[in-house]
Amino acid sequence: MKRIMIIGIVLIALGVVALAYQGITYTSREKIIDIGPIEATQETEKTIPLSPILGVVALAGGIVLVIIGTRARR
């Protein structure tokens, strides 16, 4: 397989994942109080939103690259 087709397939996969999940969620721990041996932490859940436009662009770009890769092969 040519590199352009591999990149296209990866973009298609990333586009589908971006459309399915709509964002990346992670948990972070923050120190609230640190007084000698006493320590208090708080877990907060944060989300990095992924725009559906980003998923559509990645998907469309991947499809275009796969088509270009198959036509260049002929």
C-alpha atoms as a PDB file:
ATOM      1  CA  MET A   1       0.000   0.000   0.000  1.00  0.00           C
ATOM      2  CA  LYS A   2       1.153   3.483  -0.698  1.00  0.00           C
ATOM      3  CA  ARG A   3       1.674   6.000   2.068  1.00  0.00           C
ATOM      4  CA  ILE A   4      -1.139   8.214   0.803  1.00  0.00           C
ATOM      5  CA  MET A   5      -3.639   5.362   1.177  1.00  0.00           C
ATOM      6  CA  ILE A   6      -2.428   4.555   4.686  1.00  0.00           C
ATOM      7  CA  ILE A   7      -2.771   8.210   5.692  1.00  0.00           C
ATOM      8  CA  GLY A   8      -6.255   8.237   4.147  1.00  0.00           C
ATOM      9  CA  ILE A   9      -7.316   5.151   6.108  1.00  0.00           C
ATOM     10  CA  VAL A  10      -5.989   6.662   9.349  1.00  0.00           C
ATOM     11  CA  LEU A  11      -7.891   9.908   8.669  1.00  0.00           C
ATOM     12  CA  ILE A  12     -11.087   7.959   8.020  1.00  0.00           C
ATOM     13  CA  ALA A  13     -10.685   6.108  11.323  1.00  0.00           C
ATOM     14  CA  LEU A  14      -9.971   9.336  13.228  1.00  0.00           C
ATOM     15  CA  GLY A  15     -12.963  11.027  11.593  1.00  0.00           C
ATOM     16  CA  VAL A  16     -15.310   8.209  12.612  1.00  0.00           C
ATOM     17  CA  VAL A  17     -13.966   8.270  16.194  1.00  0.00           C
ATOM     18  CA  ALA A  18     -14.328  12.069  16.383  1.00  0.00           C
ATOM     19  CA  LEU A  19     -17.935  11.854  15.184  1.00  0.00           C
ATOM     20  CA  ALA A  20     -18.767   9.011  17.579  1.00  0.00           C
ATOM     21  CA  TYR A  21     -17.284  10.418  20.785  1.00  0.00           C
ATOM     22  CA  GLN A  22     -17.732  14.194  20.346  1.00  0.00           C
ATOM     23  CA  GLY A  23     -14.976  14.856  22.914  1.00  0.00           C
ATOM     24  CA  ILE A  24     -12.199  13.486  25.090  1.00  0.00           C
ATOM     25  CA  THR A  25     -12.865  13.242  28.830  1.00  0.00           C
ATOM     26  CA  TYR A  26     -10.143  12.907  31.467  1.00  0.00           C
ATOM     27  CA  THR A  27      -9.858  13.151  35.249  1.00  0.00           C
ATOM     28  CA  SER A  28      -7.312  15.347  37.017  1.00  0.00           C
ATOM     29  CA  ARG A  29      -6.402  15.567  40.688  1.00  0.00           C
ATOM     30  CA  GLU A  30      -5.795  18.911  42.327  1.00  0.00           C
ATOM     31  CA  LYS A  31      -4.408  19.621  45.805  1.00  0.00           C
ATOM     32  CA  ILE A  32      -6.780  21.700  47.852  1.00  0.00           C
ATOM     33  CA  ILE A  33      -5.102  21.665  51.263  1.00  0.00           C
ATOM     34  CA  ASP A  34      -1.538  20.702  52.159  1.00  0.00           C
ATOM     35  CA  ILE A  35      -0.869  21.326  55.849  1.00  0.00           C
ATOM     36  CA  GLY A  36       1.985  19.173  57.102  1.00  0.00           C
ATOM     37  CA  PRO A  37       0.846  15.543  57.154  1.00  0.00           C
ATOM     38  CA  ILE A  38      -2.733  16.498  56.240  1.00  0.00           C
ATOM     39  CA  GLU A  39      -3.439  16.616  52.552  1.00  0.00           C
ATOM     40  CA  ALA A  40      -6.732  16.972  50.684  1.00  0.00           C
ATOM     41  CA  THR A  41      -7.201  16.450  46.975  1.00  0.00           C
ATOM     42  CA  GLN A  42     -10.117  16.870  44.626  1.00  0.00           C
ATOM     43  CA  GLU A  43     -10.772  14.947  41.440  1.00  0.00           C
ATOM     44  CA  THR A  44     -12.289  16.965  38.621  1.00  0.00           C
ATOM     45  CA  GLU A  45     -13.502  15.628  35.318  1.00  0.00           C
ATOM     46  CA  LYS A  46     -12.601  17.768  32.322  1.00  0.00           C
ATOM     47  CA  THR A  47     -13.694  17.437  28.709  1.00  0.00           C
ATOM     48  CA  ILE A  48     -11.945  18.575  25.545  1.00  0.00           C
ATOM     49  CA  PRO A  49     -14.748  19.011  23.012  1.00  0.00           C
ATOM     50  CA  LEU A  50     -14.237  17.846  19.427  1.00  0.00           C
ATOM     51  CA  SER A  51     -16.272  19.675  16.848  1.00  0.00           C
ATOM     52  CA  PRO A  52     -18.315  17.508  14.483  1.00  0.00           C
ATOM     53  CA  ILE A  53     -16.869  19.637  11.688  1.00  0.00           C
ATOM     54  CA  LEU A  54     -13.418  18.287  12.569  1.00  0.00           C
ATOM     55  CA  GLY A  55     -14.699  14.714  12.226  1.00  0.00           C
ATOM     56  CA  VAL A  56     -16.384  15.412   8.889  1.00  0.00           C
ATOM     57  CA  VAL A  57     -13.270  17.130   7.503  1.00  0.00           C
ATOM     58  CA  ALA A  58     -11.026  14.244   8.584  1.00  0.00           C
ATOM     59  CA  LEU A  59     -13.444  11.698   7.119  1.00  0.00           C
ATOM     60  CA  ALA A  60     -13.774  13.546   3.808  1.00  0.00           C
ATOM     61  CA  GLY A  61     -10.025  14.112   3.567  1.00  0.00           C
ATOM     62  CA  GLY A  62      -9.373  10.433   4.205  1.00  0.00           C
ATOM     63  CA  ILE A  63     -11.825   9.372   1.520  1.00  0.00           C
ATOM     64  CA  VAL A  64     -10.217  11.767  -0.972  1.00  0.00           C
ATOM     65  CA  LEU A  65      -6.736  10.437  -0.170  1.00  0.00           C
ATOM     66  CA  VAL A  66      -7.850   6.811  -0.598  1.00  0.00           C
ATOM     67  CA  ILE A  67      -9.435   7.637  -3.965  1.00  0.00           C
ATOM     68  CA  ILE A  68      -6.302   9.470  -5.107  1.00  0.00           C
ATOM     69  CA  GLY A  69      -4.168   6.534  -3.939  1.00  0.00           C
ATOM     70  CA  THR A  70      -6.210   3.983  -5.886  1.00  0.00           C
ATOM     71  CA  ARG A  71      -6.219   6.088  -9.078  1.00  0.00           C
ATOM     72  CA  ALA A  72      -2.463   6.697  -8.879  1.00  0.00           C
ATOM     73  CA  ARG A  73      -1.921   2.949  -8.696  1.00  0.00           C
ATOM     74  CA  ARG A  74      -3.420   2.352 -12.149  1.00  0.00           C
END
